């Protein structure tokens, strides 16, 4: 019995590792993913892109801004004299917070009057917004303490310390459902497209029907479209049902343009299908295709910004996320569903998503031609 088991084990190991692709999938890819993701995945909230509206522009207001910028939490990227660009900066995601200092801030501080600054935060990421509000409260407390220490008696500063008013845009109550439900829709769409479509062509290889396709006059573009469109239609129906559930169960309404949302979703699903078909035409077995799709799916989700902020990842990892369709679709989803913005704000993620979809579909078509040859 031991001899038979030993021979069986020998046979299975040969079967597993005789193919170069299988060796890469089983041994190399997990090690690479563990190394990359260990650097990228962090729950810390730091380097929060922040704009400052400071019409006062006094030593006291600059000192308050310095308290915010002194640590690793706030990164002051824009300094404004008026509120003109505040909404555009928050809508586009170029800043996650805005500090608004009143016109007569320095005079109120010197005279001991009550002075209040306002902090606006992007509430789409509810957890990050809550942490940002906490950091801001600490910065103002440090400023008050410094003002108290700089004055001999400290009576004026102590009697009316600087206060802070906070407001979360797009999600006033910081409810996590407004962030996670649209994000889960993006996850389900990439799961359906990548896993199911990745086995579309390789399944025909295994059962032998691919030879029948090869002898037909069908063009490779027509073949790829024939494999893509059914999954595209299925994905659109699934997305519609998920949004209906989100509206009925969670009360989440689409604030922006529904046609724009469906157009972006079409591009996103096509990109996922192009990537899946690229996996399918290069794999020899369904097992290879499924494992490869799984090892693509995990980094795609973890490096999309859905669970861990991209801004907090190492810079080289942030560059890798540019090639992740889910990263761009999440920005589009939250922009349309939660913020209600349009193409004027979302042109960059829509353009990046379209470029990736075209690239993946083109590679799938080109690779399928090589397979036929």
Protein backbone atom coordinates (compact mmCIF):
# COMPACT_ATOMS: atom_id res chain seq x y z
CA UNK A 1 0.00 0.00 0.00
CA UNK A 2 2.81 2.43 0.88
CA UNK A 3 4.42 1.80 -2.49
CA UNK A 4 1.19 2.52 -4.34
CA UNK A 5 0.63 5.73 -2.38
CA UNK A 6 4.22 6.78 -3.04
CA UNK A 7 3.81 6.24 -6.77
CA UNK A 8 0.53 8.15 -6.71
CA UNK A 9 2.17 11.07 -4.90
CA UNK A 10 5.03 11.03 -7.39
CA UNK A 11 2.57 11.10 -10.27
CA UNK A 12 0.57 14.00 -8.80
CA UNK A 13 3.62 16.12 -8.15
CA UNK A 14 4.81 15.55 -11.71
CA UNK A 15 1.36 16.48 -12.98
CA UNK A 16 1.33 19.63 -10.87
CA UNK A 17 4.78 20.97 -11.69
CA UNK A 18 5.53 19.76 -15.19
CA UNK A 19 3.86 22.86 -16.66
CA UNK A 20 5.76 26.14 -16.32
CA UNK A 21 2.52 28.10 -15.87
CA UNK A 22 1.42 25.88 -13.02
CA UNK A 23 4.77 26.27 -11.28
CA UNK A 24 4.43 30.05 -11.54
CA UNK A 25 0.86 30.00 -10.22
CA UNK A 26 1.59 27.65 -7.31
CA UNK A 27 4.99 28.89 -6.17
CA UNK A 28 5.93 32.31 -7.56
CA UNK A 29 2.66 34.25 -7.53
CA UNK A 30 1.82 33.69 -3.82
CA UNK A 31 5.32 34.83 -2.79
CA UNK A 32 5.17 37.94 -4.97
CA UNK A 33 1.68 38.82 -3.74
CA UNK A 34 2.62 38.34 -0.09
CA UNK A 35 5.66 40.61 -0.49
CA UNK A 36 3.86 43.35 -2.40
CA UNK A 37 0.66 43.33 -0.34
CA UNK A 38 2.57 43.34 2.96
CA UNK A 39 3.99 46.75 2.00
CA UNK A 40 0.75 48.05 0.53
CA UNK A 41 -1.87 47.08 3.08
CA UNK A 42 -2.14 49.48 5.99
CA UNK A 43 -5.08 50.82 7.95
CA UNK A 44 -3.24 53.98 8.98
CA UNK A 45 -4.74 57.27 7.84
CA UNK A 46 -2.01 59.77 7.03
CA UNK A 47 -1.00 62.35 4.43
CA UNK A 48 -4.61 63.54 4.16
CA UNK A 49 -4.71 65.89 1.19
CA UNK A 50 -5.97 69.16 2.65
CA UNK A 51 -6.81 72.61 1.30
CA UNK A 52 -6.68 75.72 3.48
CA UNK A 53 -8.98 78.71 2.96
CA UNK A 54 -7.28 81.53 4.87
CA UNK A 55 -8.50 85.04 4.01
CA UNK A 56 -7.02 86.27 7.30
CA UNK A 57 -3.45 85.19 6.41
CA UNK A 58 -2.10 86.34 9.76
CA UNK A 59 0.67 84.93 11.97
CA UNK A 60 -1.99 83.30 14.16
CA UNK A 61 -3.76 81.64 11.22
CA UNK A 62 -0.45 80.44 9.78
CA UNK A 63 0.46 79.01 13.16
CA UNK A 64 -2.82 77.12 13.26
CA UNK A 65 -2.15 75.71 9.79
CA UNK A 66 1.32 74.72 10.96
CA UNK A 67 -0.28 72.69 13.75
CA UNK A 68 -2.23 70.72 11.13
CA UNK A 69 0.78 70.27 8.86
CA UNK A 70 3.24 69.50 11.65
CA UNK A 71 2.55 65.77 11.85
CA UNK A 72 2.16 63.06 9.25
CA UNK A 73 -1.61 63.32 9.17
CA UNK A 74 -2.43 66.40 7.08
CA UNK A 75 -0.70 67.30 3.83
CA UNK A 76 -1.49 70.88 2.84
CA UNK A 77 -1.75 70.75 -0.96
CA UNK A 78 -3.73 73.91 -1.70
CA UNK A 79 -3.86 77.36 -0.07
CA UNK A 80 -6.85 79.47 -1.07
CA UNK A 81 -8.04 82.98 -0.26
CA UNK A 82 -11.71 82.27 -1.06
CA UNK A 83 -14.17 79.38 -1.11
CA UNK A 84 -14.50 79.39 -4.91
CA UNK A 85 -12.70 76.10 -5.58
CA UNK A 86 -13.69 74.22 -2.43
CA UNK A 87 -16.57 72.23 -3.91
CA UNK A 88 -14.65 71.35 -7.07
CA UNK A 89 -11.65 70.11 -5.07
CA UNK A 90 -13.84 67.91 -2.86
CA UNK A 91 -15.94 66.65 -5.77
CA UNK A 92 -12.88 65.59 -7.73
CA UNK A 93 -11.19 63.98 -4.73
CA UNK A 94 -8.08 66.13 -5.12
CA UNK A 95 -8.43 66.99 -1.43
CA UNK A 96 -10.08 65.01 1.34
CA UNK A 97 -10.41 67.89 3.80
CA UNK A 98 -10.71 71.69 3.79
CA UNK A 99 -9.76 73.98 6.69
CA UNK A 100 -11.72 77.25 6.61
CA UNK A 101 -10.32 80.05 8.75
CA UNK A 102 -12.54 83.15 9.25
CA UNK A 103 -11.58 86.63 8.07
CA UNK A 104 -10.95 88.17 11.52
CA UNK A 105 -9.38 85.12 13.12
CA UNK A 106 -6.23 86.87 14.42
CA UNK A 107 -8.18 89.77 15.90
CA UNK A 108 -10.52 87.42 17.75
CA UNK A 109 -7.59 85.41 19.12
CA UNK A 110 -5.72 88.49 20.32
CA UNK A 111 -8.80 90.03 21.92
CA UNK A 112 -9.87 86.82 23.62
CA UNK A 113 -13.10 86.54 21.66
CA UNK A 114 -14.47 83.19 20.60
CA UNK A 115 -12.86 82.18 17.28
CA UNK A 116 -14.05 79.16 15.33
CA UNK A 117 -12.53 77.39 12.35
CA UNK A 118 -14.42 74.98 10.16
CA UNK A 119 -13.26 71.62 8.84
CA UNK A 120 -14.97 70.11 5.81
CA UNK A 121 -14.23 66.45 5.12
CA UNK A 122 -15.12 64.09 2.29
CA UNK A 123 -17.53 61.69 3.98
CA UNK A 124 -17.59 59.03 1.25
CA UNK A 125 -14.96 57.05 3.18
CA UNK A 126 -16.67 57.19 6.54
CA UNK A 127 -13.88 55.59 8.59
CA UNK A 128 -11.19 57.87 7.18
CA UNK A 129 -13.44 60.89 7.69
CA UNK A 130 -13.99 60.02 11.35
CA UNK A 131 -10.23 59.64 11.90
CA UNK A 132 -9.64 62.96 10.12
CA UNK A 133 -12.07 64.73 12.44
CA UNK A 134 -10.24 63.30 15.45
CA UNK A 135 -6.86 64.45 14.11
CA UNK A 136 -8.28 67.95 13.53
CA UNK A 137 -9.57 68.19 17.09
CA UNK A 138 -6.12 67.28 18.38
CA UNK A 139 -4.45 69.90 16.18
CA UNK A 140 -6.78 72.66 17.45
CA UNK A 141 -6.21 71.54 21.05
CA UNK A 142 -2.44 71.81 20.53
CA UNK A 143 -2.91 75.28 19.07
CA UNK A 144 -4.93 76.39 22.10
CA UNK A 145 -2.30 74.99 24.44
CA UNK A 146 0.44 76.84 22.56
CA UNK A 147 -1.52 80.11 22.71
CA UNK A 148 -1.98 79.64 26.44
CA UNK A 149 1.73 79.00 27.00
CA UNK A 150 2.81 82.01 24.90
CA UNK A 151 0.81 84.44 27.03
CA UNK A 152 2.04 85.32 30.45
CA UNK A 153 -1.27 85.01 32.27
CA UNK A 154 -3.09 83.22 29.48
CA UNK A 155 -6.39 84.70 30.59
CA UNK A 156 -7.62 85.77 27.19
CA UNK A 157 -6.58 82.60 25.45
CA UNK A 158 -7.89 80.38 28.19
CA UNK A 159 -11.25 82.14 28.50
CA UNK A 160 -12.11 81.72 24.80
CA UNK A 161 -10.04 79.01 23.16
CA UNK A 162 -10.31 78.46 19.43
CA UNK A 163 -13.12 76.07 18.57
CA UNK A 164 -13.71 73.86 15.57
CA UNK A 165 -16.90 73.10 13.66
CA UNK A 166 -16.91 70.01 11.49
CA UNK A 167 -19.05 69.01 8.55
CA UNK A 168 -18.92 65.84 6.48
CA UNK A 169 -19.92 66.35 2.86
CA UNK A 170 -21.86 63.73 0.87
CA UNK A 171 -22.37 61.57 3.97
CA UNK A 172 -23.28 63.83 6.91
CA UNK A 173 -23.82 60.99 9.40
CA UNK A 174 -20.70 59.10 8.28
CA UNK A 175 -22.68 55.93 7.59
CA UNK A 176 -20.40 53.21 6.23
CA UNK A 177 -23.07 51.79 3.92
CA UNK A 178 -22.68 54.71 1.51
CA UNK A 179 -19.09 53.64 0.94
CA UNK A 180 -19.22 49.85 1.20
CA UNK A 181 -22.38 49.07 -0.76
CA UNK A 182 -21.21 50.69 -4.04
CA UNK A 183 -17.79 49.17 -3.44
CA UNK A 184 -19.29 45.70 -3.07
CA UNK A 185 -21.09 46.18 -6.40
CA UNK A 186 -17.71 46.81 -8.04
CA UNK A 187 -16.32 43.68 -6.34
CA UNK A 188 -19.21 41.51 -7.53
CA UNK A 189 -18.86 42.76 -11.09
CA UNK A 190 -15.15 41.95 -11.27
CA UNK A 191 -15.78 38.60 -9.59
CA UNK A 192 -18.42 37.61 -12.14
CA UNK A 193 -16.50 38.89 -15.12
CA UNK A 194 -13.04 37.63 -14.22
CA UNK A 195 -13.79 34.20 -12.78
CA UNK A 196 -16.54 33.06 -15.13
CA UNK A 197 -15.19 34.49 -18.38
CA UNK A 198 -11.65 33.27 -17.68
CA UNK A 199 -12.84 29.72 -18.31
CA UNK A 200 -14.82 30.51 -21.46
CA UNK A 201 -12.20 29.59 -24.09
CA UNK A 202 -10.19 27.08 -22.09
CA UNK A 203 -13.40 25.09 -21.49
CA UNK A 204 -13.75 24.65 -25.23
CA UNK A 205 -10.13 23.52 -25.41
CA UNK A 206 -10.72 20.82 -22.83
CA UNK A 207 -13.94 19.44 -24.31
CA UNK A 208 -12.58 19.65 -27.88
CA UNK A 209 -15.03 22.11 -29.44
CA UNK A 210 -12.30 24.69 -30.08
CA UNK A 211 -11.24 22.69 -33.18
CA UNK A 212 -14.71 23.14 -34.63
CA UNK A 213 -14.40 26.91 -34.14
CA UNK A 214 -10.99 26.95 -35.81
CA UNK A 215 -12.32 25.48 -39.06
CA UNK A 216 -15.22 27.97 -39.30
CA UNK A 217 -14.87 31.29 -41.17
CA UNK A 218 -15.49 33.27 -37.98
CA UNK A 219 -13.01 36.08 -37.44
CA UNK A 220 -11.04 36.30 -34.19
CA UNK A 221 -12.70 39.65 -33.34
CA UNK A 222 -16.11 38.06 -33.87
CA UNK A 223 -15.12 35.14 -31.67
CA UNK A 224 -14.00 37.43 -28.84
CA UNK A 225 -17.18 39.50 -29.14
CA UNK A 226 -19.27 36.34 -29.09
CA UNK A 227 -17.53 35.30 -25.90
CA UNK A 228 -17.74 38.77 -24.33
CA UNK A 229 -21.24 40.06 -25.01
CA UNK A 230 -23.19 37.38 -23.07
CA UNK A 231 -21.12 38.08 -19.95
CA UNK A 232 -21.53 41.82 -20.51
CA UNK A 233 -25.30 41.49 -20.65
CA UNK A 234 -25.28 39.29 -17.55
CA UNK A 235 -23.11 41.80 -15.69
CA UNK A 236 -25.40 44.71 -16.55
CA UNK A 237 -28.49 42.81 -15.38
CA UNK A 238 -26.69 41.81 -12.18
CA UNK A 239 -25.63 45.41 -11.52
CA UNK A 240 -29.20 46.62 -12.04
CA UNK A 241 -30.52 44.09 -9.53
CA UNK A 242 -27.83 45.05 -7.01
CA UNK A 243 -28.70 48.74 -7.27
CA UNK A 244 -32.38 47.91 -6.80
CA UNK A 245 -31.49 46.02 -3.62
CA UNK A 246 -29.26 48.90 -2.49
CA UNK A 247 -32.21 51.28 -2.95
CA UNK A 248 -34.83 49.06 -1.34
CA UNK A 249 -32.80 47.69 1.59
CA UNK A 250 -30.17 50.34 2.32
CA UNK A 251 -31.87 53.46 0.97
CA UNK A 252 -28.96 54.32 -1.32
CA UNK A 253 -30.02 56.44 -4.29
CA UNK A 254 -27.98 57.24 -7.38
CA UNK A 255 -27.37 60.97 -7.00
CA UNK A 256 -25.83 61.53 -10.43
CA UNK A 257 -26.46 60.52 -14.04
CA UNK A 258 -27.78 56.97 -14.47
CA UNK A 259 -26.80 56.80 -18.20
CA UNK A 260 -23.26 57.87 -17.30
CA UNK A 261 -23.13 55.21 -14.59
CA UNK A 262 -24.21 52.49 -17.01
CA UNK A 263 -21.78 53.70 -19.66
CA UNK A 264 -18.90 53.55 -17.16
CA UNK A 265 -20.06 50.14 -15.93
CA UNK A 266 -20.08 48.86 -19.52
CA UNK A 267 -16.47 49.96 -19.96
CA UNK A 268 -15.53 48.41 -16.59
CA UNK A 269 -17.14 45.05 -17.37
CA UNK A 270 -15.58 44.99 -20.85
CA UNK A 271 -12.17 45.61 -19.32
CA UNK A 272 -12.65 42.78 -16.84
CA UNK A 273 -13.83 40.47 -19.62
CA UNK A 274 -10.85 41.39 -21.78
CA UNK A 275 -8.52 40.51 -18.91
CA UNK A 276 -10.43 37.28 -18.28
CA UNK A 277 -10.30 36.25 -21.93
CA UNK A 278 -6.59 37.01 -21.98
CA UNK A 279 -6.23 34.54 -19.11
CA UNK A 280 -8.47 32.05 -20.90
CA UNK A 281 -6.60 32.04 -24.21
CA UNK A 282 -3.23 31.56 -22.50
CA UNK A 283 -4.30 28.81 -20.07
CA UNK A 284 -4.37 25.14 -21.07
CA UNK A 285 -6.78 23.87 -18.43
CA UNK A 286 -9.70 25.27 -16.47
CA UNK A 287 -7.71 24.75 -13.29
CA UNK A 288 -4.93 27.01 -14.56
CA UNK A 289 -7.44 29.62 -15.67
CA UNK A 290 -9.28 29.57 -12.35
CA UNK A 291 -6.11 29.83 -10.25
CA UNK A 292 -4.73 32.64 -12.41
CA UNK A 293 -8.02 34.54 -12.19
CA UNK A 294 -8.00 34.12 -8.41
CA UNK A 295 -4.46 35.47 -8.10
CA UNK A 296 -5.45 38.48 -10.22
CA UNK A 297 -8.68 39.02 -8.31
CA UNK A 298 -7.15 39.29 -4.84
CA UNK A 299 -4.64 42.08 -5.64
CA UNK A 300 -7.25 43.84 -7.79
CA UNK A 301 -9.55 44.16 -4.79
CA UNK A 302 -6.90 44.90 -2.16
CA UNK A 303 -5.06 47.47 -4.32
CA UNK A 304 -8.19 49.26 -5.52
CA UNK A 305 -8.56 51.57 -2.53
CA UNK A 306 -11.74 49.81 -1.43
CA UNK A 307 -10.30 48.40 1.81
CA UNK A 308 -7.02 50.28 2.21
CA UNK A 309 -6.44 53.89 1.04
CA UNK A 310 -4.17 54.06 -2.00
CA UNK A 311 -2.68 57.31 -0.72
CA UNK A 312 -1.14 55.45 2.26
CA UNK A 313 0.55 52.78 0.13
CA UNK A 314 4.23 53.05 -0.92
CA UNK A 315 4.66 55.19 -4.00
CA UNK A 316 5.75 52.33 -6.24
CA UNK A 317 2.61 50.38 -5.28
CA UNK A 318 0.50 53.43 -6.05
CA UNK A 319 1.89 53.35 -9.59
CA UNK A 320 0.89 49.70 -9.93
CA UNK A 321 -2.69 50.57 -9.00
CA UNK A 322 -2.95 52.71 -12.14
CA UNK A 323 -3.36 49.46 -14.12
CA UNK A 324 -6.19 48.25 -11.90
CA UNK A 325 -9.63 48.87 -13.49
CA UNK A 326 -11.38 48.53 -10.14
CA UNK A 327 -9.50 51.53 -8.75
CA UNK A 328 -10.94 53.81 -11.43
CA UNK A 329 -14.43 52.31 -11.32
CA UNK A 330 -14.62 52.84 -7.56
CA UNK A 331 -13.89 56.54 -8.07
CA UNK A 332 -16.59 56.69 -10.73
CA UNK A 333 -19.11 54.79 -8.57
CA UNK A 334 -18.64 56.99 -5.52
CA UNK A 335 -18.57 60.11 -7.68
CA UNK A 336 -21.87 59.34 -9.41
CA UNK A 337 -23.75 57.44 -6.71
CA UNK A 338 -22.72 59.42 -3.60
CA UNK A 339 -21.45 62.81 -4.82
CA UNK A 340 -23.65 63.20 -7.89
CA UNK A 341 -20.84 64.56 -10.09
CA UNK A 342 -20.54 64.17 -13.86
CA UNK A 343 -18.05 63.85 -16.70
CA UNK A 344 -16.55 67.26 -15.93
CA UNK A 345 -15.15 65.83 -12.70
CA UNK A 346 -14.78 62.15 -13.64
CA UNK A 347 -13.10 62.49 -17.04
CA UNK A 348 -9.77 61.13 -15.75
CA UNK A 349 -11.01 57.85 -14.21
CA UNK A 350 -13.38 57.29 -17.16
CA UNK A 351 -10.55 57.84 -19.62
CA UNK A 352 -8.19 55.55 -17.70
CA UNK A 353 -10.87 52.87 -17.47
CA UNK A 354 -11.55 53.06 -21.22
CA UNK A 355 -7.83 52.85 -22.03
CA UNK A 356 -7.39 49.74 -19.85
CA UNK A 357 -10.47 48.07 -21.36
CA UNK A 358 -9.22 48.73 -24.90
CA UNK A 359 -5.77 47.41 -24.00
CA UNK A 360 -7.06 44.18 -22.42
CA UNK A 361 -9.47 43.44 -25.27
CA UNK A 362 -6.81 44.13 -27.89
CA UNK A 363 -4.35 41.81 -26.15
CA UNK A 364 -7.00 39.11 -25.89
CA UNK A 365 -7.72 39.32 -29.62
CA UNK A 366 -4.03 39.31 -30.52
CA UNK A 367 -3.26 36.40 -28.22
CA UNK A 368 -6.16 34.36 -29.57
CA UNK A 369 -4.75 34.80 -33.08
CA UNK A 370 -1.45 33.33 -31.91
CA UNK A 371 -3.30 30.41 -30.37
CA UNK A 372 -4.98 29.62 -33.68
CA UNK A 373 -1.69 29.74 -35.49
